[in-house]
Amino acid sequence: MTELNELDDLYQEIILDHYRNPRNQQVVEAPDMQAHALNPFCGDEVDLQARLEDGRICEVCFKGRGCSISQASASIMTELLKGKTPEEALELYSAFRRLMFGEDISEEELDGMGELGALAGVRKFPVRIKCALLGWNSLDDAIGEYAKANE
């Protein structure tokens, strides 16, 4: 039981660190992708911007306000997206959604999530799943708009 408590403590530390010290808060000059996401139930917001170079996300940032879960998830997301193609980013989003809803994911997908694994416990609180997915929803919207504009 001590190992589980230590793991919970570690996960809580990761979430609080990303909430208190969010990564990638700068503005992206001339973003190729951007979107705004709002959770109308609690008022949490995430604005996402990203720039592509050679088909890969080379720069990504977010600005937001809200609970520790939504803001930590967005911060971790920006760290994971660098160097990924939009398609790879959507695959990561899909795996994270499945994790949040308690569906099966592969070991490889879990390994690729890095610190996102710290948010796995959120699935025990269904109302908070929307918080964890807020930034990811903005990513999905941004990629969708980018794809439409570049058809």
N, C-alpha and C. Protein backbone atom coordinates (compact mmCIF):
# COMPACT_ATOMS: atom_id res chain seq x y z
N MET A 1 0.82 -1.20 0.00
CA MET A 1 0.00 0.00 0.00
C MET A 1 0.87 1.26 0.00
N THR A 2 2.03 1.19 0.58
CA THR A 2 2.92 2.34 0.62
C THR A 2 3.34 2.75 -0.79
N GLU A 3 3.60 1.77 -1.67
CA GLU A 3 3.99 2.08 -3.04
C GLU A 3 2.90 2.87 -3.76
N LEU A 4 1.64 2.49 -3.55
CA LEU A 4 0.53 3.23 -4.18
C LEU A 4 0.46 4.65 -3.66
N ASN A 5 0.64 4.83 -2.36
CA ASN A 5 0.62 6.17 -1.80
C ASN A 5 1.76 7.01 -2.36
N GLU A 6 2.95 6.41 -2.50
CA GLU A 6 4.08 7.13 -3.06
C GLU A 6 3.82 7.51 -4.52
N LEU A 7 3.20 6.60 -5.27
CA LEU A 7 2.86 6.88 -6.66
C LEU A 7 1.84 8.01 -6.74
N ASP A 8 0.82 7.97 -5.89
CA ASP A 8 -0.17 9.05 -5.84
C ASP A 8 0.50 10.39 -5.52
N ASP A 9 1.43 10.37 -4.58
CA ASP A 9 2.15 11.59 -4.21
C ASP A 9 2.96 12.12 -5.38
N LEU A 10 3.64 11.21 -6.10
CA LEU A 10 4.43 11.61 -7.25
C LEU A 10 3.53 12.22 -8.32
N TYR A 11 2.41 11.57 -8.61
CA TYR A 11 1.48 12.08 -9.61
C TYR A 11 0.94 13.44 -9.21
N GLN A 12 0.61 13.59 -7.94
CA GLN A 12 0.11 14.87 -7.46
C GLN A 12 1.18 15.95 -7.62
N GLU A 13 2.44 15.60 -7.34
CA GLU A 13 3.54 16.56 -7.50
C GLU A 13 3.68 16.99 -8.95
N ILE A 14 3.58 16.05 -9.89
CA ILE A 14 3.69 16.37 -11.31
C ILE A 14 2.58 17.33 -11.72
N ILE A 15 1.37 17.03 -11.32
CA ILE A 15 0.22 17.88 -11.67
C ILE A 15 0.38 19.27 -11.07
N LEU A 16 0.73 19.34 -9.81
CA LEU A 16 0.89 20.66 -9.17
C LEU A 16 2.05 21.44 -9.76
N ASP A 17 3.14 20.75 -10.13
CA ASP A 17 4.27 21.44 -10.73
C ASP A 17 3.86 22.07 -12.06
N HIS A 18 3.16 21.32 -12.90
CA HIS A 18 2.72 21.87 -14.19
C HIS A 18 1.67 22.96 -14.01
N TYR A 19 0.89 22.88 -12.96
CA TYR A 19 -0.11 23.92 -12.70
C TYR A 19 0.57 25.21 -12.22
N ARG A 20 1.48 25.07 -11.28
CA ARG A 20 2.16 26.24 -10.70
C ARG A 20 3.21 26.82 -11.64
N ASN A 21 3.83 25.97 -12.45
CA ASN A 21 4.89 26.39 -13.37
C ASN A 21 4.59 25.88 -14.78
N PRO A 22 3.52 26.39 -15.38
CA PRO A 22 3.13 25.86 -16.69
C PRO A 22 4.22 26.09 -17.73
N ARG A 23 4.40 25.10 -18.57
CA ARG A 23 5.38 25.18 -19.64
C ARG A 23 4.76 25.82 -20.87
N ASN A 24 5.62 26.41 -21.68
CA ASN A 24 5.22 26.92 -23.00
C ASN A 24 4.10 27.95 -22.94
N GLN A 25 4.36 29.00 -22.21
CA GLN A 25 3.38 30.08 -22.06
C GLN A 25 3.62 31.25 -23.01
N GLN A 26 4.70 31.21 -23.79
CA GLN A 26 5.00 32.31 -24.70
C GLN A 26 3.99 32.33 -25.85
N VAL A 27 3.98 33.43 -26.58
CA VAL A 27 3.10 33.55 -27.75
C VAL A 27 3.86 33.01 -28.96
N VAL A 28 3.17 32.27 -29.81
CA VAL A 28 3.76 31.76 -31.04
C VAL A 28 3.52 32.82 -32.13
N GLU A 29 4.61 33.29 -32.71
CA GLU A 29 4.50 34.25 -33.81
C GLU A 29 4.01 33.53 -35.06
N ALA A 30 3.04 34.08 -35.72
CA ALA A 30 2.48 33.52 -36.96
C ALA A 30 2.14 32.03 -36.83
N PRO A 31 1.22 31.69 -35.92
CA PRO A 31 0.88 30.27 -35.74
C PRO A 31 0.16 29.70 -36.96
N ASP A 32 0.46 28.44 -37.24
CA ASP A 32 -0.23 27.72 -38.31
C ASP A 32 -1.54 27.14 -37.81
N MET A 33 -1.57 26.85 -36.52
CA MET A 33 -2.76 26.25 -35.91
C MET A 33 -3.06 27.00 -34.62
N GLN A 34 -4.35 27.23 -34.38
CA GLN A 34 -4.76 27.82 -33.11
C GLN A 34 -6.22 27.51 -32.86
N ALA A 35 -6.56 27.47 -31.59
CA ALA A 35 -7.94 27.20 -31.21
C ALA A 35 -8.16 27.61 -29.77
N HIS A 36 -9.41 27.83 -29.44
CA HIS A 36 -9.84 28.18 -28.09
C HIS A 36 -10.79 27.10 -27.61
N ALA A 37 -10.60 26.66 -26.38
CA ALA A 37 -11.52 25.68 -25.79
C ALA A 37 -12.01 26.23 -24.46
N LEU A 38 -13.29 26.01 -24.21
CA LEU A 38 -13.93 26.48 -22.98
C LEU A 38 -14.78 25.36 -22.42
N ASN A 39 -14.66 25.15 -21.12
CA ASN A 39 -15.55 24.22 -20.43
C ASN A 39 -16.65 25.08 -19.81
N PRO A 40 -17.85 25.08 -20.39
CA PRO A 40 -18.92 25.96 -19.91
C PRO A 40 -19.41 25.63 -18.50
N PHE A 41 -19.12 24.41 -18.04
CA PHE A 41 -19.59 24.02 -16.71
C PHE A 41 -18.79 24.67 -15.60
N CYS A 42 -17.49 24.90 -15.84
CA CYS A 42 -16.66 25.45 -14.76
C CYS A 42 -15.94 26.73 -15.16
N GLY A 43 -15.92 27.05 -16.45
CA GLY A 43 -15.28 28.27 -16.91
C GLY A 43 -13.81 28.12 -17.27
N ASP A 44 -13.25 26.92 -17.17
CA ASP A 44 -11.86 26.71 -17.56
C ASP A 44 -11.69 27.02 -19.05
N GLU A 45 -10.53 27.60 -19.39
CA GLU A 45 -10.26 27.96 -20.77
C GLU A 45 -8.83 27.59 -21.15
N VAL A 46 -8.65 27.27 -22.43
CA VAL A 46 -7.33 27.03 -22.99
C VAL A 46 -7.30 27.61 -24.40
N ASP A 47 -6.30 28.46 -24.65
CA ASP A 47 -6.02 28.96 -25.99
C ASP A 47 -4.72 28.31 -26.43
N LEU A 48 -4.75 27.63 -27.55
CA LEU A 48 -3.59 26.89 -28.05
C LEU A 48 -3.12 27.51 -29.35
N GLN A 49 -1.81 27.61 -29.49
CA GLN A 49 -1.19 28.07 -30.74
C GLN A 49 -0.04 27.13 -31.06
N ALA A 50 0.15 26.85 -32.34
CA ALA A 50 1.27 26.00 -32.75
C ALA A 50 1.75 26.41 -34.14
N ARG A 51 3.03 26.21 -34.34
CA ARG A 51 3.64 26.48 -35.63
C ARG A 51 4.29 25.20 -36.12
N LEU A 52 4.14 24.95 -37.42
CA LEU A 52 4.71 23.77 -38.04
C LEU A 52 5.94 24.14 -38.87
N GLU A 53 6.85 23.20 -38.91
CA GLU A 53 8.01 23.33 -39.79
C GLU A 53 8.29 21.94 -40.34
N ASP A 54 8.35 21.84 -41.65
CA ASP A 54 8.55 20.54 -42.31
C ASP A 54 7.52 19.50 -41.86
N GLY A 55 6.28 19.97 -41.66
CA GLY A 55 5.19 19.06 -41.32
C GLY A 55 5.15 18.62 -39.87
N ARG A 56 6.01 19.19 -39.03
CA ARG A 56 6.05 18.82 -37.61
C ARG A 56 5.83 20.04 -36.73
N ILE A 57 5.27 19.81 -35.58
CA ILE A 57 5.04 20.90 -34.62
C ILE A 57 6.40 21.29 -34.04
N CYS A 58 6.82 22.50 -34.37
CA CYS A 58 8.13 22.96 -33.89
C CYS A 58 7.99 23.91 -32.71
N GLU A 59 6.84 24.54 -32.60
CA GLU A 59 6.61 25.47 -31.51
C GLU A 59 5.14 25.38 -31.11
N VAL A 60 4.88 25.31 -29.82
CA VAL A 60 3.50 25.20 -29.34
C VAL A 60 3.40 25.89 -27.99
N CYS A 61 2.30 26.58 -27.78
CA CYS A 61 2.10 27.23 -26.48
C CYS A 61 0.61 27.23 -26.15
N PHE A 62 0.35 27.52 -24.88
CA PHE A 62 -1.03 27.69 -24.47
C PHE A 62 -1.10 28.80 -23.44
N LYS A 63 -2.23 29.42 -23.40
CA LYS A 63 -2.59 30.35 -22.33
C LYS A 63 -3.91 29.84 -21.80
N GLY A 64 -4.07 29.87 -20.51
CA GLY A 64 -5.32 29.37 -19.98
C GLY A 64 -5.57 29.83 -18.58
N ARG A 65 -6.73 29.47 -18.12
CA ARG A 65 -7.08 29.69 -16.73
C ARG A 65 -8.04 28.60 -16.34
N GLY A 66 -7.93 28.20 -15.09
CA GLY A 66 -8.82 27.16 -14.62
C GLY A 66 -8.17 26.30 -13.56
N CYS A 67 -8.72 25.14 -13.39
CA CYS A 67 -8.29 24.23 -12.32
C CYS A 67 -6.94 23.62 -12.63
N SER A 68 -6.36 23.02 -11.61
CA SER A 68 -5.03 22.42 -11.76
C SER A 68 -5.03 21.31 -12.80
N ILE A 69 -6.12 20.56 -12.91
CA ILE A 69 -6.16 19.45 -13.87
C ILE A 69 -6.13 19.97 -15.31
N SER A 70 -6.96 20.94 -15.63
CA SER A 70 -7.01 21.44 -17.02
C SER A 70 -5.70 22.11 -17.40
N GLN A 71 -5.14 22.88 -16.50
CA GLN A 71 -3.93 23.63 -16.83
C GLN A 71 -2.70 22.73 -16.85
N ALA A 72 -2.62 21.77 -15.94
CA ALA A 72 -1.50 20.83 -15.95
C ALA A 72 -1.55 19.95 -17.19
N SER A 73 -2.72 19.50 -17.57
CA SER A 73 -2.86 18.67 -18.76
C SER A 73 -2.41 19.44 -20.00
N ALA A 74 -2.81 20.70 -20.12
CA ALA A 74 -2.41 21.52 -21.27
C ALA A 74 -0.90 21.74 -21.28
N SER A 75 -0.33 21.96 -20.11
CA SER A 75 1.12 22.16 -20.01
C SER A 75 1.87 20.91 -20.44
N ILE A 76 1.45 19.76 -19.93
CA ILE A 76 2.09 18.50 -20.30
C ILE A 76 1.92 18.25 -21.80
N MET A 77 0.73 18.54 -22.31
CA MET A 77 0.45 18.35 -23.73
C MET A 77 1.44 19.12 -24.58
N THR A 78 1.69 20.39 -24.25
CA THR A 78 2.59 21.19 -25.08
C THR A 78 4.00 20.60 -25.09
N GLU A 79 4.42 20.01 -23.99
CA GLU A 79 5.73 19.37 -23.94
C GLU A 79 5.78 18.15 -24.86
N LEU A 80 4.70 17.39 -24.90
CA LEU A 80 4.67 16.16 -25.68
C LEU A 80 4.52 16.39 -27.19
N LEU A 81 3.95 17.52 -27.57
CA LEU A 81 3.64 17.75 -28.98
C LEU A 81 4.83 18.16 -29.83
N LYS A 82 5.84 18.70 -29.22
CA LYS A 82 6.99 19.20 -29.98
C LYS A 82 7.64 18.07 -30.77
N GLY A 83 7.79 18.31 -32.07
CA GLY A 83 8.41 17.33 -32.94
C GLY A 83 7.44 16.34 -33.58
N LYS A 84 6.19 16.39 -33.17
CA LYS A 84 5.20 15.45 -33.71
C LYS A 84 4.52 16.05 -34.93
N THR A 85 4.07 15.17 -35.82
CA THR A 85 3.22 15.61 -36.93
C THR A 85 1.82 15.80 -36.36
N PRO A 86 0.96 16.53 -37.07
CA PRO A 86 -0.43 16.63 -36.60
C PRO A 86 -1.09 15.25 -36.45
N GLU A 87 -0.77 14.33 -37.34
CA GLU A 87 -1.35 12.98 -37.25
C GLU A 87 -0.88 12.27 -35.98
N GLU A 88 0.40 12.39 -35.67
CA GLU A 88 0.93 11.78 -34.45
C GLU A 88 0.31 12.43 -33.21
N ALA A 89 0.09 13.74 -33.27
CA ALA A 89 -0.54 14.45 -32.16
C ALA A 89 -1.96 13.93 -31.94
N LEU A 90 -2.68 13.69 -33.03
CA LEU A 90 -4.05 13.15 -32.91
C LEU A 90 -4.05 11.73 -32.37
N GLU A 91 -3.04 10.95 -32.73
CA GLU A 91 -2.92 9.59 -32.18
C GLU A 91 -2.70 9.64 -30.67
N LEU A 92 -1.87 10.57 -30.23
CA LEU A 92 -1.62 10.74 -28.79
C LEU A 92 -2.90 11.18 -28.09
N TYR A 93 -3.62 12.11 -28.70
CA TYR A 93 -4.90 12.57 -28.16
C TYR A 93 -5.87 11.40 -28.02
N SER A 94 -5.95 10.57 -29.05
CA SER A 94 -6.85 9.41 -29.02
C SER A 94 -6.48 8.46 -27.88
N ALA A 95 -5.20 8.19 -27.73
CA ALA A 95 -4.76 7.30 -26.65
C ALA A 95 -5.08 7.90 -25.28
N PHE A 96 -4.86 9.20 -25.14
CA PHE A 96 -5.15 9.86 -23.85
C PHE A 96 -6.64 9.83 -23.55
N ARG A 97 -7.48 10.06 -24.56
CA ARG A 97 -8.94 9.97 -24.37
C ARG A 97 -9.32 8.58 -23.88
N ARG A 98 -8.76 7.57 -24.53
CA ARG A 98 -9.08 6.19 -24.13
C ARG A 98 -8.64 5.93 -22.70
N LEU A 99 -7.48 6.44 -22.32
CA LEU A 99 -7.00 6.31 -20.95
C LEU A 99 -7.98 6.97 -19.98
N MET A 100 -8.44 8.17 -20.32
CA MET A 100 -9.35 8.91 -19.44
C MET A 100 -10.68 8.19 -19.27
N PHE A 101 -11.12 7.49 -20.31
CA PHE A 101 -12.41 6.79 -20.24
C PHE A 101 -12.27 5.33 -19.84
N GLY A 102 -11.07 4.94 -19.39
CA GLY A 102 -10.85 3.59 -18.88
C GLY A 102 -10.81 2.52 -19.93
N GLU A 103 -10.56 2.91 -21.18
CA GLU A 103 -10.47 1.94 -22.26
C GLU A 103 -9.03 1.41 -22.36
N ASP A 104 -8.87 0.34 -23.09
CA ASP A 104 -7.55 -0.27 -23.24
C ASP A 104 -6.63 0.60 -24.08
N ILE A 105 -5.38 0.68 -23.62
CA ILE A 105 -4.33 1.29 -24.42
C ILE A 105 -3.11 0.38 -24.33
N SER A 106 -2.28 0.44 -25.33
CA SER A 106 -1.10 -0.43 -25.36
C SER A 106 -0.01 0.11 -24.44
N GLU A 107 0.94 -0.75 -24.10
CA GLU A 107 2.10 -0.33 -23.30
C GLU A 107 2.86 0.76 -24.04
N GLU A 108 2.98 0.61 -25.35
CA GLU A 108 3.70 1.59 -26.16
C GLU A 108 3.02 2.95 -26.08
N GLU A 109 1.68 2.96 -26.16
CA GLU A 109 0.95 4.23 -26.05
C GLU A 109 1.14 4.84 -24.67
N LEU A 110 1.08 4.02 -23.65
CA LEU A 110 1.26 4.52 -22.28
C LEU A 110 2.66 5.09 -22.10
N ASP A 111 3.66 4.40 -22.63
CA ASP A 111 5.03 4.90 -22.54
C ASP A 111 5.19 6.24 -23.25
N GLY A 112 4.50 6.41 -24.37
CA GLY A 112 4.57 7.64 -25.14
C GLY A 112 3.90 8.82 -24.49
N MET A 113 3.13 8.56 -23.44
CA MET A 113 2.41 9.63 -22.75
C MET A 113 3.26 10.37 -21.72
N GLY A 114 4.37 9.79 -21.33
CA GLY A 114 5.22 10.45 -20.35
C GLY A 114 4.45 10.88 -19.11
N GLU A 115 4.57 12.15 -18.77
CA GLU A 115 3.94 12.67 -17.56
C GLU A 115 2.42 12.68 -17.61
N LEU A 116 1.83 12.50 -18.78
CA LEU A 116 0.37 12.44 -18.87
C LEU A 116 -0.19 11.31 -18.01
N GLY A 117 0.62 10.28 -17.80
CA GLY A 117 0.20 9.17 -16.95
C GLY A 117 -0.20 9.62 -15.56
N ALA A 118 0.33 10.75 -15.13
CA ALA A 118 -0.01 11.30 -13.81
C ALA A 118 -1.49 11.65 -13.72
N LEU A 119 -2.12 11.85 -14.87
CA LEU A 119 -3.53 12.23 -14.88
C LEU A 119 -4.47 11.02 -14.94
N ALA A 120 -3.92 9.83 -14.95
CA ALA A 120 -4.76 8.62 -15.06
C ALA A 120 -5.80 8.53 -13.95
N GLY A 121 -5.46 8.99 -12.77
CA GLY A 121 -6.40 8.93 -11.64
C GLY A 121 -7.64 9.79 -11.82
N VAL A 122 -7.58 10.73 -12.74
CA VAL A 122 -8.73 11.61 -13.00
C VAL A 122 -9.95 10.81 -13.44
N ARG A 123 -9.71 9.69 -14.10
CA ARG A 123 -10.85 8.91 -14.62
C ARG A 123 -11.76 8.41 -13.50
N LYS A 124 -11.29 8.42 -12.26
CA LYS A 124 -12.13 8.03 -11.12
C LYS A 124 -13.17 9.10 -10.82
N PHE A 125 -12.98 10.29 -11.39
CA PHE A 125 -13.88 11.43 -11.14
C PHE A 125 -14.41 11.91 -12.49
N PRO A 126 -15.47 11.28 -12.98
CA PRO A 126 -15.97 11.57 -14.34
C PRO A 126 -16.16 13.05 -14.66
N VAL A 127 -16.56 13.84 -13.72
CA VAL A 127 -16.78 15.26 -14.00
C VAL A 127 -15.46 15.98 -14.30
N ARG A 128 -14.35 15.44 -13.84
CA ARG A 128 -13.03 16.06 -14.06
C ARG A 128 -12.37 15.62 -15.37
N ILE A 129 -12.93 14.60 -16.02
CA ILE A 129 -12.36 14.14 -17.29
C ILE A 129 -12.38 15.27 -18.31
N LYS A 130 -13.46 16.05 -18.33
CA LYS A 130 -13.54 17.19 -19.24
C LYS A 130 -12.41 18.18 -18.99
N CYS A 131 -12.03 18.32 -17.74
CA CYS A 131 -10.92 19.23 -17.40
C CYS A 131 -9.62 18.72 -18.02
N ALA A 132 -9.36 17.43 -17.86
CA ALA A 132 -8.12 16.85 -18.38
C ALA A 132 -8.06 16.91 -19.90
N LEU A 133 -9.20 16.86 -20.56
CA LEU A 133 -9.25 16.82 -22.02
C LEU A 133 -9.40 18.19 -22.68
N LEU A 134 -9.57 19.25 -21.89
CA LEU A 134 -9.85 20.57 -22.44
C LEU A 134 -8.78 21.04 -23.43
N GLY A 135 -7.54 21.02 -23.03
CA GLY A 135 -6.47 21.44 -23.94
C GLY A 135 -6.38 20.56 -25.16
N TRP A 136 -6.61 19.27 -24.96
CA TRP A 136 -6.58 18.31 -26.07
C TRP A 136 -7.71 18.56 -27.05
N ASN A 137 -8.86 18.99 -26.54
CA ASN A 137 -9.97 19.35 -27.43
C ASN A 137 -9.59 20.56 -28.29
N SER A 138 -8.86 21.51 -27.69
CA SER A 138 -8.41 22.66 -28.48
C SER A 138 -7.42 22.20 -29.55
N LEU A 139 -6.57 21.25 -29.23
CA LEU A 139 -5.64 20.69 -30.21
C LEU A 139 -6.41 20.05 -31.37
N ASP A 140 -7.40 19.25 -31.04
CA ASP A 140 -8.22 18.58 -32.06
C ASP A 140 -8.87 19.62 -32.98
N ASP A 141 -9.42 20.68 -32.39
CA ASP A 141 -10.04 21.75 -33.18
C ASP A 141 -9.00 22.45 -34.06
N ALA A 142 -7.84 22.75 -33.49
CA ALA A 142 -6.79 23.46 -34.23
C ALA A 142 -6.33 22.64 -35.43
N ILE A 143 -6.12 21.34 -35.23
CA ILE A 143 -5.68 20.48 -36.32
C ILE A 143 -6.77 20.36 -37.37
N GLY A 144 -8.02 20.25 -36.94
CA GLY A 144 -9.14 20.18 -37.88
C GLY A 144 -9.24 21.43 -38.74
N GLU A 145 -9.11 22.58 -38.13
CA GLU A 145 -9.17 23.85 -38.88
C GLU A 145 -7.98 23.98 -39.83
N TYR A 146 -6.82 23.57 -39.37
CA TYR A 146 -5.62 23.61 -40.21
C TYR A 146 -5.80 22.70 -41.43
N ALA A 147 -6.32 21.52 -41.22
CA ALA A 147 -6.52 20.56 -42.31
C ALA A 147 -7.51 21.13 -43.34
N LYS A 148 -8.60 21.74 -42.86
CA LYS A 148 -9.59 22.33 -43.77
C LYS A 148 -8.97 23.44 -44.60
N ALA A 149 -8.18 24.28 -43.95
CA ALA A 149 -7.58 25.43 -44.62
C ALA A 149 -6.51 25.01 -45.64
N ASN A 150 -5.98 23.81 -45.49
CA ASN A 150 -4.90 23.35 -46.36
C ASN A 150 -5.29 22.20 -47.28
N GLU A 151 -6.58 22.07 -47.53
CA GLU A 151 -7.07 21.01 -48.43
C GLU A 151 -6.76 21.34 -49.86
